[in-house]
């Protein structure tokens, strides 16, 4: 009887792990996609509009920089609660994995913007000056020179951002967002299911290691083929 009960508990735990793991991948994947687009645009504004940039605009640069600094200074758990009215206004609810996307995107976009900004600033000014001398437009410089040269470094930046987003998604789970964070806290910690907590931690560690290894490999290949 006890063996049968343990088997059922194990089966339920595995099913919950797969379900919540899928929710985490959904949140991280969608938030990373949207956040990368927004973060890249913000980073381009910072790089292009900075003093001495291709389209210098101190006012726009200051506004974007201030926004990024303000959002990045707020811990995610506080940010998540603070923008609940915005989440409800957009999606009609603050519960669930889809609702968690709003605070996750707001959180990760400025974070990625700073990382991508650093990657773009690593590009040699001589390359951009040569492009200007050839008569390239600003858009052509961005598309054909700036982004390709910074791509290897940007991959590492996105890898770092993905790991940070994975941690944020776990905190989102504590506030009804689902995912492995909700699994570890609700079904692990609160129900004193220590084995389940340990398994979720191991899964997260393995996932982070795989992400970092993949990011390093892709970045290295991009740098070698420059």
N, C-alpha and C. Protein backbone atom coordinates (compact mmCIF):
# COMPACT_ATOMS: atom_id res chain seq x y z
N UNK A 1 0.84 -1.20 0.00
CA UNK A 1 0.00 0.00 0.00
C UNK A 1 0.88 1.26 0.00
N UNK A 2 1.88 1.27 0.86
CA UNK A 2 2.78 2.43 0.96
C UNK A 2 3.56 2.61 -0.34
N UNK A 3 3.96 1.48 -0.95
CA UNK A 3 4.70 1.56 -2.20
C UNK A 3 3.83 2.15 -3.31
N UNK A 4 2.54 1.76 -3.33
CA UNK A 4 1.60 2.29 -4.32
C UNK A 4 1.39 3.78 -4.13
N UNK A 5 1.29 4.20 -2.88
CA UNK A 5 1.09 5.62 -2.55
C UNK A 5 2.31 6.44 -2.98
N UNK A 6 3.49 5.89 -2.70
CA UNK A 6 4.72 6.60 -3.10
C UNK A 6 4.81 6.72 -4.62
N UNK A 7 4.38 5.65 -5.32
CA UNK A 7 4.40 5.68 -6.78
C UNK A 7 3.47 6.76 -7.32
N UNK A 8 2.28 6.87 -6.72
CA UNK A 8 1.32 7.90 -7.15
C UNK A 8 1.86 9.30 -6.88
N UNK A 9 2.46 9.47 -5.71
CA UNK A 9 3.03 10.78 -5.36
C UNK A 9 4.14 11.16 -6.33
N UNK A 10 4.98 10.16 -6.67
CA UNK A 10 6.07 10.41 -7.61
C UNK A 10 5.52 10.78 -8.98
N UNK A 11 4.47 10.07 -9.41
CA UNK A 11 3.87 10.34 -10.72
C UNK A 11 3.30 11.74 -10.77
N UNK A 12 2.59 12.13 -9.69
CA UNK A 12 2.01 13.48 -9.62
C UNK A 12 3.10 14.53 -9.64
N UNK A 13 4.20 14.27 -8.90
CA UNK A 13 5.31 15.23 -8.85
C UNK A 13 5.95 15.41 -10.21
N UNK A 14 6.13 14.30 -10.94
CA UNK A 14 6.72 14.38 -12.28
C UNK A 14 5.80 15.17 -13.21
N UNK A 15 4.50 14.90 -13.12
CA UNK A 15 3.53 15.61 -13.97
C UNK A 15 3.54 17.11 -13.68
N UNK A 16 3.59 17.44 -12.40
CA UNK A 16 3.64 18.86 -12.02
C UNK A 16 4.95 19.50 -12.48
N UNK A 17 6.03 18.77 -12.37
CA UNK A 17 7.32 19.29 -12.79
C UNK A 17 7.32 19.59 -14.29
N UNK A 18 6.76 18.68 -15.08
CA UNK A 18 6.68 18.89 -16.53
C UNK A 18 5.78 20.07 -16.86
N UNK A 19 4.63 20.16 -16.18
CA UNK A 19 3.68 21.25 -16.43
C UNK A 19 4.30 22.59 -16.08
N UNK A 20 4.85 22.68 -14.87
CA UNK A 20 5.43 23.94 -14.42
C UNK A 20 6.71 24.28 -15.19
N UNK A 21 7.45 23.25 -15.59
CA UNK A 21 8.63 23.49 -16.41
C UNK A 21 8.26 24.10 -17.76
N UNK A 22 7.16 23.60 -18.32
CA UNK A 22 6.66 24.16 -19.57
C UNK A 22 6.23 25.60 -19.41
N UNK A 23 5.60 25.92 -18.28
CA UNK A 23 5.19 27.30 -18.00
C UNK A 23 6.41 28.22 -17.90
N UNK A 24 7.47 27.72 -17.26
CA UNK A 24 8.69 28.53 -17.15
C UNK A 24 9.31 28.80 -18.51
N UNK A 25 9.39 27.77 -19.35
CA UNK A 25 9.94 27.95 -20.69
C UNK A 25 9.10 28.92 -21.51
N UNK A 26 7.79 28.86 -21.32
CA UNK A 26 6.87 29.78 -22.01
C UNK A 26 7.13 31.21 -21.58
N UNK A 27 7.20 31.44 -20.27
CA UNK A 27 7.42 32.79 -19.76
C UNK A 27 8.78 33.34 -20.19
N UNK A 28 9.82 32.52 -20.02
CA UNK A 28 11.16 32.98 -20.35
C UNK A 28 11.30 33.21 -21.86
N UNK A 29 10.77 32.30 -22.67
CA UNK A 29 10.90 32.41 -24.11
C UNK A 29 10.21 33.65 -24.68
N UNK A 30 8.94 33.86 -24.31
CA UNK A 30 8.19 35.00 -24.85
C UNK A 30 8.75 36.31 -24.30
N UNK A 31 9.02 36.35 -23.00
CA UNK A 31 9.54 37.58 -22.39
C UNK A 31 10.92 37.93 -22.97
N UNK A 32 11.74 36.91 -23.23
CA UNK A 32 13.07 37.15 -23.79
C UNK A 32 12.96 37.69 -25.22
N UNK A 33 12.04 37.14 -25.99
CA UNK A 33 11.86 37.58 -27.38
C UNK A 33 11.43 39.05 -27.42
N UNK A 34 10.39 39.39 -26.67
CA UNK A 34 9.90 40.77 -26.66
C UNK A 34 10.93 41.70 -26.01
N UNK A 35 11.52 41.24 -24.91
CA UNK A 35 12.51 42.05 -24.21
C UNK A 35 13.74 42.33 -25.04
N UNK A 36 14.14 41.36 -25.87
CA UNK A 36 15.31 41.55 -26.73
C UNK A 36 15.05 42.63 -27.77
N UNK A 37 13.86 42.61 -28.35
CA UNK A 37 13.51 43.62 -29.35
C UNK A 37 13.51 45.02 -28.72
N UNK A 38 12.83 45.15 -27.58
CA UNK A 38 12.76 46.45 -26.91
C UNK A 38 14.13 46.87 -26.41
N UNK A 39 14.85 45.93 -25.79
CA UNK A 39 16.17 46.22 -25.25
C UNK A 39 17.16 46.65 -26.32
N UNK A 40 17.08 46.00 -27.50
CA UNK A 40 17.98 46.37 -28.60
C UNK A 40 17.68 47.78 -29.09
N UNK A 41 16.40 48.12 -29.21
CA UNK A 41 16.02 49.47 -29.63
C UNK A 41 16.51 50.51 -28.63
N UNK A 42 16.34 50.22 -27.34
CA UNK A 42 16.80 51.15 -26.31
C UNK A 42 18.33 51.30 -26.36
N UNK A 43 19.01 50.17 -26.56
CA UNK A 43 20.48 50.21 -26.62
C UNK A 43 20.95 51.02 -27.81
N UNK A 44 20.29 50.88 -28.94
CA UNK A 44 20.66 51.65 -30.13
C UNK A 44 20.47 53.14 -29.90
N UNK A 45 19.39 53.50 -29.21
CA UNK A 45 19.16 54.92 -28.88
C UNK A 45 20.30 55.43 -28.00
N UNK A 46 20.69 54.64 -27.00
CA UNK A 46 21.77 55.05 -26.10
C UNK A 46 23.09 55.23 -26.85
N UNK A 47 23.38 54.32 -27.76
CA UNK A 47 24.66 54.36 -28.47
C UNK A 47 24.68 55.44 -29.55
N UNK A 48 23.60 55.53 -30.31
CA UNK A 48 23.56 56.48 -31.42
C UNK A 48 23.37 57.92 -30.97
N UNK A 49 22.63 58.11 -29.86
CA UNK A 49 22.31 59.47 -29.41
C UNK A 49 23.27 60.00 -28.35
N UNK A 50 24.23 59.20 -27.95
CA UNK A 50 25.19 59.66 -26.95
C UNK A 50 26.08 60.76 -27.52
N UNK A 51 26.81 61.42 -26.64
CA UNK A 51 27.71 62.49 -27.09
C UNK A 51 28.73 61.92 -28.06
N UNK A 52 28.81 62.47 -29.25
CA UNK A 52 29.71 61.97 -30.27
C UNK A 52 29.15 60.83 -31.08
N UNK A 53 27.86 60.46 -30.83
CA UNK A 53 27.24 59.38 -31.57
C UNK A 53 26.86 59.79 -32.98
N UNK A 54 26.37 58.82 -33.74
CA UNK A 54 26.02 59.08 -35.14
C UNK A 54 24.88 60.08 -35.28
N UNK A 55 23.91 60.01 -34.35
CA UNK A 55 22.78 60.96 -34.37
C UNK A 55 22.64 61.56 -32.97
N UNK A 56 23.62 62.31 -32.56
CA UNK A 56 23.69 62.84 -31.20
C UNK A 56 22.40 63.58 -30.82
N UNK A 57 21.83 63.16 -29.69
CA UNK A 57 20.60 63.79 -29.17
C UNK A 57 20.63 63.63 -27.65
N UNK A 58 21.14 64.62 -26.97
CA UNK A 58 21.36 64.53 -25.53
C UNK A 58 20.05 64.37 -24.76
N UNK A 59 19.00 65.04 -25.22
CA UNK A 59 17.71 64.98 -24.51
C UNK A 59 17.15 63.56 -24.55
N UNK A 60 17.07 62.99 -25.75
CA UNK A 60 16.54 61.63 -25.89
C UNK A 60 17.41 60.63 -25.15
N UNK A 61 18.72 60.80 -25.24
CA UNK A 61 19.65 59.91 -24.54
C UNK A 61 19.42 59.97 -23.03
N UNK A 62 19.23 61.16 -22.49
CA UNK A 62 19.03 61.33 -21.05
C UNK A 62 17.72 60.70 -20.59
N UNK A 63 16.66 60.86 -21.39
CA UNK A 63 15.35 60.30 -21.03
C UNK A 63 15.41 58.78 -21.00
N UNK A 64 15.98 58.19 -22.05
CA UNK A 64 16.06 56.72 -22.13
C UNK A 64 16.97 56.18 -21.03
N UNK A 65 18.09 56.84 -20.79
CA UNK A 65 19.02 56.41 -19.76
C UNK A 65 18.38 56.48 -18.38
N UNK A 66 17.62 57.54 -18.12
CA UNK A 66 16.94 57.69 -16.83
C UNK A 66 15.90 56.59 -16.64
N UNK A 67 15.13 56.32 -17.67
CA UNK A 67 14.11 55.26 -17.60
C UNK A 67 14.76 53.91 -17.26
N UNK A 68 15.84 53.60 -17.96
CA UNK A 68 16.53 52.33 -17.73
C UNK A 68 17.06 52.24 -16.30
N UNK A 69 17.66 53.31 -15.84
CA UNK A 69 18.23 53.31 -14.49
C UNK A 69 17.15 53.17 -13.42
N UNK A 70 16.01 53.82 -13.63
CA UNK A 70 14.91 53.76 -12.66
C UNK A 70 14.36 52.34 -12.57
N UNK A 71 14.07 51.74 -13.71
CA UNK A 71 13.49 50.38 -13.71
C UNK A 71 14.48 49.37 -13.15
N UNK A 72 15.74 49.51 -13.51
CA UNK A 72 16.75 48.55 -13.03
C UNK A 72 17.00 48.66 -11.53
N UNK A 73 16.68 49.81 -10.95
CA UNK A 73 16.93 50.01 -9.52
C UNK A 73 15.85 49.39 -8.65
N UNK A 74 14.73 48.99 -9.26
CA UNK A 74 13.61 48.41 -8.50
C UNK A 74 13.73 46.89 -8.50
N UNK A 75 13.79 46.26 -7.33
CA UNK A 75 13.82 44.79 -7.28
C UNK A 75 12.61 44.19 -7.99
N UNK A 76 12.80 43.05 -8.63
CA UNK A 76 11.73 42.50 -9.47
C UNK A 76 10.45 42.23 -8.69
N UNK A 77 10.56 41.71 -7.50
CA UNK A 77 9.36 41.35 -6.74
C UNK A 77 8.53 42.59 -6.44
N UNK A 78 9.20 43.73 -6.21
CA UNK A 78 8.49 44.99 -5.98
C UNK A 78 7.91 45.52 -7.28
N UNK A 79 8.68 45.41 -8.35
CA UNK A 79 8.21 45.84 -9.66
C UNK A 79 6.97 45.06 -10.07
N UNK A 80 6.98 43.76 -9.80
CA UNK A 80 5.87 42.90 -10.17
C UNK A 80 4.58 43.35 -9.51
N UNK A 81 4.67 43.69 -8.22
CA UNK A 81 3.48 44.13 -7.48
C UNK A 81 3.07 45.54 -7.90
N UNK A 82 4.06 46.40 -8.14
CA UNK A 82 3.78 47.80 -8.46
C UNK A 82 3.01 47.96 -9.76
N UNK A 83 3.37 47.16 -10.78
CA UNK A 83 2.71 47.33 -12.08
C UNK A 83 1.53 46.38 -12.28
N UNK A 84 1.02 45.81 -11.19
CA UNK A 84 -0.17 44.95 -11.31
C UNK A 84 -1.34 45.67 -11.97
N UNK A 85 -1.59 46.95 -11.65
CA UNK A 85 -2.69 47.65 -12.35
C UNK A 85 -2.48 47.70 -13.86
N UNK A 86 -1.23 47.89 -14.29
CA UNK A 86 -0.93 47.90 -15.72
C UNK A 86 -1.16 46.52 -16.32
N UNK A 87 -0.73 45.48 -15.61
CA UNK A 87 -0.94 44.11 -16.09
C UNK A 87 -2.42 43.80 -16.23
N UNK A 88 -3.21 44.22 -15.24
CA UNK A 88 -4.65 44.00 -15.28
C UNK A 88 -5.29 44.79 -16.41
N UNK A 89 -4.81 45.99 -16.65
CA UNK A 89 -5.37 46.83 -17.72
C UNK A 89 -5.09 46.22 -19.10
N UNK A 90 -3.93 45.59 -19.25
CA UNK A 90 -3.55 45.02 -20.56
C UNK A 90 -4.20 43.66 -20.79
N UNK A 91 -4.16 42.80 -19.77
CA UNK A 91 -4.59 41.41 -19.95
C UNK A 91 -5.87 41.06 -19.20
N UNK A 92 -6.33 41.95 -18.31
CA UNK A 92 -7.55 41.68 -17.57
C UNK A 92 -7.37 40.80 -16.35
N UNK A 93 -6.14 40.40 -16.06
CA UNK A 93 -5.85 39.56 -14.90
C UNK A 93 -4.39 39.72 -14.49
N UNK A 94 -4.09 39.36 -13.27
CA UNK A 94 -2.70 39.38 -12.79
C UNK A 94 -2.24 37.98 -12.42
N UNK A 95 -3.07 36.98 -12.70
CA UNK A 95 -2.77 35.59 -12.35
C UNK A 95 -2.47 34.79 -13.61
N UNK A 96 -1.47 33.95 -13.53
CA UNK A 96 -1.16 33.06 -14.65
C UNK A 96 0.14 33.41 -15.34
N UNK A 97 0.62 32.49 -16.16
CA UNK A 97 1.89 32.66 -16.85
C UNK A 97 1.86 33.80 -17.86
N UNK A 98 0.73 33.96 -18.54
CA UNK A 98 0.62 35.04 -19.53
C UNK A 98 0.65 36.40 -18.84
N UNK A 99 -0.03 36.52 -17.71
CA UNK A 99 -0.02 37.79 -16.96
C UNK A 99 1.38 38.12 -16.46
N UNK A 100 2.18 37.11 -16.17
CA UNK A 100 3.54 37.33 -15.67
C UNK A 100 4.45 37.90 -16.75
N UNK A 101 4.03 37.80 -18.02
CA UNK A 101 4.87 38.30 -19.11
C UNK A 101 5.06 39.81 -19.04
N UNK A 102 4.02 40.53 -18.60
CA UNK A 102 4.12 42.00 -18.56
C UNK A 102 5.24 42.46 -17.63
N UNK A 103 5.23 42.06 -16.35
CA UNK A 103 6.34 42.49 -15.49
C UNK A 103 7.69 41.92 -15.92
N UNK A 104 7.70 40.73 -16.49
CA UNK A 104 8.96 40.14 -16.94
C UNK A 104 9.57 40.95 -18.09
N UNK A 105 8.73 41.39 -19.01
CA UNK A 105 9.21 42.20 -20.14
C UNK A 105 9.69 43.56 -19.64
N UNK A 106 8.90 44.18 -18.74
CA UNK A 106 9.29 45.48 -18.18
C UNK A 106 10.61 45.36 -17.44
N UNK A 107 10.82 44.23 -16.78
CA UNK A 107 12.05 44.01 -16.00
C UNK A 107 13.26 43.75 -16.89
N UNK A 108 13.09 42.89 -17.89
CA UNK A 108 14.26 42.43 -18.64
C UNK A 108 14.69 43.41 -19.73
N UNK A 109 13.77 44.21 -20.25
CA UNK A 109 14.12 45.13 -21.35
C UNK A 109 15.24 46.10 -20.98
N UNK A 110 15.14 46.85 -19.87
CA UNK A 110 16.24 47.75 -19.51
C UNK A 110 17.53 47.01 -19.17
N UNK A 111 17.37 45.82 -18.57
CA UNK A 111 18.53 45.01 -18.21
C UNK A 111 19.30 44.61 -19.47
N UNK A 112 18.57 44.15 -20.48
CA UNK A 112 19.21 43.78 -21.75
C UNK A 112 19.73 45.01 -22.47
N UNK A 113 19.04 46.12 -22.34
CA UNK A 113 19.47 47.35 -23.01
C UNK A 113 20.89 47.74 -22.58
N UNK A 114 21.16 47.68 -21.27
CA UNK A 114 22.51 48.02 -20.79
C UNK A 114 23.54 47.01 -21.27
N UNK A 115 23.19 45.73 -21.27
CA UNK A 115 24.12 44.70 -21.72
C UNK A 115 24.43 44.85 -23.20
N UNK A 116 23.39 45.08 -23.99
CA UNK A 116 23.58 45.24 -25.43
C UNK A 116 24.32 46.54 -25.74
N UNK A 117 24.03 47.58 -24.96
CA UNK A 117 24.76 48.85 -25.12
C UNK A 117 26.26 48.63 -24.98
N UNK A 118 26.65 47.89 -23.96
CA UNK A 118 28.07 47.59 -23.75
C UNK A 118 28.66 46.82 -24.94
N UNK A 119 27.86 45.90 -25.49
CA UNK A 119 28.33 45.13 -26.64
C UNK A 119 28.54 46.03 -27.86
N UNK A 120 27.60 46.94 -28.07
CA UNK A 120 27.70 47.85 -29.22
C UNK A 120 28.87 48.82 -29.07
N UNK A 121 29.14 49.22 -27.83
CA UNK A 121 30.24 50.16 -27.60
C UNK A 121 31.60 49.50 -27.78
N UNK A 122 31.64 48.17 -27.81
CA UNK A 122 32.89 47.45 -28.03
C UNK A 122 33.35 47.52 -29.50
N UNK A 123 32.41 47.86 -30.38
CA UNK A 123 32.75 47.95 -31.80
C UNK A 123 33.72 49.12 -32.02
N UNK A 124 34.78 48.87 -32.76
CA UNK A 124 35.80 49.90 -33.00
C UNK A 124 35.20 51.11 -33.72
N UNK A 125 35.42 52.31 -33.19
CA UNK A 125 34.92 53.52 -33.87
C UNK A 125 35.46 53.65 -35.29
N UNK A 126 36.64 53.08 -35.54
CA UNK A 126 37.23 53.15 -36.87
C UNK A 126 36.35 52.50 -37.93
N UNK A 127 35.65 51.41 -37.54
CA UNK A 127 34.77 50.72 -38.48
C UNK A 127 33.61 51.62 -38.87
N UNK A 128 33.04 52.30 -37.88
CA UNK A 128 31.91 53.20 -38.16
C UNK A 128 32.36 54.41 -38.97
N UNK A 129 33.55 54.91 -38.67
CA UNK A 129 34.08 56.06 -39.43
C UNK A 129 34.33 55.67 -40.88
N UNK A 130 34.82 54.46 -41.08
CA UNK A 130 35.06 53.98 -42.46
C UNK A 130 33.74 53.85 -43.21
N UNK A 131 32.71 53.36 -42.50
CA UNK A 131 31.39 53.22 -43.13
C UNK A 131 30.83 54.58 -43.52
N UNK A 132 31.00 55.57 -42.62
CA UNK A 132 30.55 56.93 -42.93
C UNK A 132 31.30 57.49 -44.13
N UNK A 133 32.60 57.23 -44.20
CA UNK A 133 33.42 57.74 -45.29
C UNK A 133 32.99 57.15 -46.64
N UNK A 134 32.43 55.93 -46.59
CA UNK A 134 31.95 55.30 -47.82
C UNK A 134 30.56 55.78 -48.22
N UNK A 135 29.99 56.65 -47.37
CA UNK A 135 28.68 57.21 -47.70
C UNK A 135 27.50 56.40 -47.20
N UNK A 136 27.74 55.47 -46.29
CA UNK A 136 26.65 54.65 -45.76
C UNK A 136 25.70 55.49 -44.91
N UNK A 137 24.41 55.19 -45.01
CA UNK A 137 23.42 55.88 -44.18
C UNK A 137 23.46 55.31 -42.77
N UNK A 138 22.77 55.99 -41.85
CA UNK A 138 22.74 55.52 -40.46
C UNK A 138 22.18 54.11 -40.37
N UNK A 139 21.09 53.84 -41.10
CA UNK A 139 20.49 52.51 -41.08
C UNK A 139 21.45 51.47 -41.64
N UNK A 140 22.16 51.80 -42.71
CA UNK A 140 23.12 50.87 -43.29
C UNK A 140 24.28 50.59 -42.35
N UNK A 141 24.70 51.62 -41.62
CA UNK A 141 25.78 51.43 -40.64
C UNK A 141 25.33 50.48 -39.54
N UNK A 142 24.10 50.67 -39.08
CA UNK A 142 23.57 49.80 -38.02
C UNK A 142 23.45 48.36 -38.51
N UNK A 143 22.85 48.19 -39.69
CA UNK A 143 22.55 46.85 -40.20
C UNK A 143 23.77 46.10 -40.72
N UNK A 144 24.67 46.81 -41.36
CA UNK A 144 25.78 46.14 -42.04
C UNK A 144 27.12 46.18 -41.28
N UNK A 145 27.23 47.08 -40.32
CA UNK A 145 28.52 47.23 -39.63
C UNK A 145 28.38 47.07 -38.12
N UNK A 146 27.53 47.88 -37.50
CA UNK A 146 27.44 47.90 -36.04
C UNK A 146 26.92 46.58 -35.47
N UNK A 147 25.75 46.12 -35.92
CA UNK A 147 25.15 44.90 -35.38
C UNK A 147 25.98 43.65 -35.67
N UNK A 148 26.45 43.46 -36.92
CA UNK A 148 27.25 42.25 -37.18
C UNK A 148 28.53 42.19 -36.36
N UNK A 149 29.19 43.33 -36.16
CA UNK A 149 30.43 43.35 -35.40
C UNK A 149 30.20 43.05 -33.91
N UNK A 150 29.03 43.45 -33.42
CA UNK A 150 28.73 43.28 -31.99
C UNK A 150 27.99 41.97 -31.70
N UNK A 151 27.67 41.20 -32.72
CA UNK A 151 26.79 40.04 -32.55
C UNK A 151 27.33 39.01 -31.57
N UNK A 152 28.62 38.70 -31.66
CA UNK A 152 29.19 37.72 -30.75
C UNK A 152 29.06 38.13 -29.30
N UNK A 153 29.36 39.39 -29.01
CA UNK A 153 29.23 39.90 -27.65
C UNK A 153 27.77 39.98 -27.22
N UNK A 154 26.88 40.29 -28.18
CA UNK A 154 25.46 40.37 -27.86
C UNK A 154 24.89 39.02 -27.45
N UNK A 155 25.40 37.95 -28.06
CA UNK A 155 24.94 36.61 -27.69
C UNK A 155 25.25 36.32 -26.22
N UNK A 156 26.45 36.69 -25.78
CA UNK A 156 26.81 36.52 -24.36
C UNK A 156 25.91 37.38 -23.48
N UNK A 157 25.61 38.60 -23.95
CA UNK A 157 24.74 39.49 -23.19
C UNK A 157 23.34 38.88 -23.05
N UNK A 158 22.83 38.32 -24.13
CA UNK A 158 21.50 37.68 -24.09
C UNK A 158 21.52 36.44 -23.21
N UNK A 159 22.63 35.72 -23.20
CA UNK A 159 22.75 34.55 -22.33
C UNK A 159 22.67 34.97 -20.87
N UNK A 160 23.40 36.03 -20.51
CA UNK A 160 23.34 36.55 -19.15
C UNK A 160 21.94 37.02 -18.81
N UNK A 161 21.29 37.70 -19.76
CA UNK A 161 19.93 38.17 -19.54
C UNK A 161 18.95 37.03 -19.36
N UNK A 162 19.15 35.94 -20.11
CA UNK A 162 18.25 34.79 -20.01
C UNK A 162 18.34 34.14 -18.64
N UNK A 163 19.55 34.04 -18.11
CA UNK A 163 19.74 33.47 -16.78
C UNK A 163 19.05 34.35 -15.73
N UNK A 164 19.20 35.67 -15.86
CA UNK A 164 18.52 36.57 -14.93
C UNK A 164 17.02 36.48 -15.06
N UNK A 165 16.53 36.32 -16.30
CA UNK A 165 15.09 36.20 -16.53
C UNK A 165 14.55 34.91 -15.95
N UNK A 166 15.35 33.86 -15.99
CA UNK A 166 14.94 32.58 -15.40
C UNK A 166 14.70 32.73 -13.90
N UNK A 167 15.60 33.47 -13.23
CA UNK A 167 15.43 33.72 -11.81
C UNK A 167 14.20 34.57 -11.53
N UNK A 168 13.96 35.57 -12.38
CA UNK A 168 12.79 36.43 -12.21
C UNK A 168 11.50 35.64 -12.40
N UNK A 169 11.49 34.71 -13.36
CA UNK A 169 10.29 33.90 -13.60
C UNK A 169 9.96 33.03 -12.39
N UNK A 170 11.00 32.62 -11.66
CA UNK A 170 10.77 31.83 -10.44
C UNK A 170 10.08 32.69 -9.38
N UNK A 171 10.48 33.98 -9.28
CA UNK A 171 9.82 34.88 -8.34
C UNK A 171 8.40 35.20 -8.78
N UNK A 172 8.18 35.27 -10.09
CA UNK A 172 6.84 35.52 -10.61
C UNK A 172 5.90 34.39 -10.22
N UNK A 173 6.45 33.17 -10.15
CA UNK A 173 5.65 32.02 -9.75
C UNK A 173 5.11 32.15 -8.34
N UNK A 174 5.83 32.83 -7.48
CA UNK A 174 5.40 33.02 -6.10
C UNK A 174 4.17 33.92 -6.03
N UNK A 175 3.96 34.74 -7.05
CA UNK A 175 2.82 35.66 -7.08
C UNK A 175 1.75 35.20 -8.06
N UNK A 176 1.69 33.92 -8.29
CA UNK A 176 0.63 33.37 -9.13
C UNK A 176 0.97 33.22 -10.59
N UNK A 177 2.25 33.33 -10.93
CA UNK A 177 2.64 33.23 -12.33
C UNK A 177 2.87 31.82 -12.82
N UNK A 178 2.88 30.85 -11.91
CA UNK A 178 3.15 29.47 -12.30
C UNK A 178 4.65 29.25 -12.47
N UNK A 179 5.01 28.15 -13.13
CA UNK A 179 6.41 27.85 -13.36
C UNK A 179 7.04 27.08 -12.23
N UNK A 180 8.34 26.83 -12.35
CA UNK A 180 9.04 26.02 -11.35
C UNK A 180 9.14 26.75 -10.01
N UNK A 181 9.09 28.07 -10.02
CA UNK A 181 9.11 28.81 -8.76
C UNK A 181 7.88 28.51 -7.93
N UNK A 182 6.73 28.49 -8.59
CA UNK A 182 5.47 28.15 -7.92
C UNK A 182 5.50 26.71 -7.44
N UNK A 183 6.07 25.83 -8.25
CA UNK A 183 6.16 24.41 -7.87
C UNK A 183 7.01 24.24 -6.63
N UNK A 184 8.18 24.88 -6.61
CA UNK A 184 9.10 24.72 -5.48
C UNK A 184 8.53 25.30 -4.20
N UNK A 185 7.85 26.43 -4.30
CA UNK A 185 7.34 27.10 -3.09
C UNK A 185 6.02 26.51 -2.62
N UNK A 186 5.06 26.33 -3.55
CA UNK A 186 3.72 25.88 -3.18
C UNK A 186 3.68 24.39 -2.84
N UNK A 187 4.29 23.58 -3.72
CA UNK A 187 4.22 22.13 -3.52
C UNK A 187 5.47 21.56 -2.86
N UNK A 188 6.53 22.36 -2.80
CA UNK A 188 7.75 21.90 -2.15
C UNK A 188 7.90 22.44 -0.75
N UNK A 189 8.08 23.74 -0.62
CA UNK A 189 8.35 24.37 0.67
C UNK A 189 7.12 24.33 1.59
N UNK A 190 5.97 24.81 1.10
CA UNK A 190 4.79 24.92 1.96
C UNK A 190 4.24 23.55 2.37
N UNK A 191 4.42 22.54 1.52
CA UNK A 191 3.95 21.20 1.86
C UNK A 191 5.09 20.32 2.36
N UNK A 192 6.24 20.96 2.62
CA UNK A 192 7.41 20.29 3.17
C UNK A 192 7.81 19.05 2.36
N UNK A 193 7.74 19.20 1.04
CA UNK A 193 8.16 18.14 0.13
C UNK A 193 9.60 18.45 -0.30
N UNK A 194 10.53 18.13 0.58
CA UNK A 194 11.93 18.46 0.33
C UNK A 194 12.49 17.84 -0.95
N UNK A 195 12.20 16.57 -1.24
CA UNK A 195 12.72 15.98 -2.49
C UNK A 195 12.29 16.77 -3.73
N UNK A 196 11.05 17.25 -3.75
CA UNK A 196 10.57 18.01 -4.89
C UNK A 196 11.32 19.33 -5.01
N UNK A 197 11.59 19.98 -3.89
CA UNK A 197 12.36 21.22 -3.91
C UNK A 197 13.75 20.99 -4.46
N UNK A 198 14.37 19.91 -4.02
CA UNK A 198 15.72 19.60 -4.47
C UNK A 198 15.75 19.33 -5.97
N UNK A 199 14.74 18.60 -6.45
CA UNK A 199 14.66 18.29 -7.88
C UNK A 199 14.51 19.57 -8.70
N UNK A 200 13.65 20.50 -8.26
CA UNK A 200 13.46 21.74 -9.01
C UNK A 200 14.74 22.57 -9.04
N UNK A 201 15.47 22.58 -7.93
CA UNK A 201 16.75 23.30 -7.88
C UNK A 201 17.74 22.67 -8.86
N UNK A 202 17.80 21.34 -8.88
CA UNK A 202 18.70 20.64 -9.79
C UNK A 202 18.34 20.95 -11.24
N UNK A 203 17.04 20.94 -11.54
CA UNK A 203 16.58 21.25 -12.90
C UNK A 203 17.00 22.65 -13.31
N UNK A 204 16.84 23.61 -12.41
CA UNK A 204 17.22 25.00 -12.70
C UNK A 204 18.73 25.12 -12.93
N UNK A 205 19.51 24.43 -12.09
CA UNK A 205 20.97 24.48 -12.23
C UNK A 205 21.40 23.90 -13.57
N UNK A 206 20.82 22.76 -13.93
CA UNK A 206 21.15 22.13 -15.21
C UNK A 206 20.77 23.04 -16.37
N UNK A 207 19.59 23.67 -16.28
CA UNK A 207 19.11 24.55 -17.34
C UNK A 207 20.04 25.75 -17.53
N UNK A 208 20.47 26.32 -16.41
CA UNK A 208 21.38 27.47 -16.48
C UNK A 208 22.71 27.06 -17.11
N UNK A 209 23.23 25.89 -16.72
CA UNK A 209 24.49 25.41 -17.27
C UNK A 209 24.39 25.19 -18.78
N UNK A 210 23.27 24.61 -19.21
CA UNK A 210 23.07 24.36 -20.64
C UNK A 210 22.97 25.68 -21.41
N UNK A 211 22.25 26.64 -20.84
CA UNK A 211 22.12 27.95 -21.48
C UNK A 211 23.47 28.63 -21.63
N UNK A 212 24.27 28.59 -20.55
CA UNK A 212 25.57 29.24 -20.58
C UNK A 212 26.50 28.57 -21.57
N UNK A 213 26.50 27.25 -21.59
CA UNK A 213 27.36 26.52 -22.53
C UNK A 213 26.96 26.83 -23.97
N UNK A 214 25.66 26.84 -24.25
CA UNK A 214 25.19 27.13 -25.60
C UNK A 214 25.55 28.55 -26.01
N UNK A 215 25.36 29.51 -25.09
CA UNK A 215 25.69 30.90 -25.37
C UNK A 215 27.17 31.08 -25.65
N UNK A 216 28.01 30.45 -24.85
CA UNK A 216 29.47 30.56 -25.05
C UNK A 216 29.89 29.98 -26.40
N UNK A 217 29.30 28.84 -26.75
CA UNK A 217 29.67 28.19 -28.01
C UNK A 217 29.25 29.03 -29.22
N UNK A 218 28.01 29.53 -29.19
CA UNK A 218 27.53 30.35 -30.31
C UNK A 218 28.35 31.62 -30.43
N UNK A 219 28.63 32.26 -29.30
CA UNK A 219 29.41 33.49 -29.31
C UNK A 219 30.81 33.25 -29.87
N UNK A 220 31.43 32.14 -29.47
CA UNK A 220 32.79 31.83 -29.94
C UNK A 220 32.80 31.61 -31.46
N UNK A 221 31.79 30.92 -31.97
CA UNK A 221 31.74 30.66 -33.42
C UNK A 221 31.51 31.96 -34.20
N UNK A 222 30.67 32.84 -33.66
CA UNK A 222 30.42 34.11 -34.33
C UNK A 222 31.68 34.97 -34.36
N UNK A 223 32.44 34.95 -33.26
CA UNK A 223 33.68 35.74 -33.22
C UNK A 223 34.71 35.17 -34.20
N UNK A 224 34.75 33.84 -34.33
CA UNK A 224 35.72 33.21 -35.22
C UNK A 224 35.42 33.50 -36.70
N UNK A 225 34.13 33.72 -37.02
CA UNK A 225 33.76 33.91 -38.42
C UNK A 225 33.61 35.38 -38.78
N UNK A 226 34.05 36.27 -37.92
CA UNK A 226 33.98 37.69 -38.22
C UNK A 226 34.99 38.07 -39.29
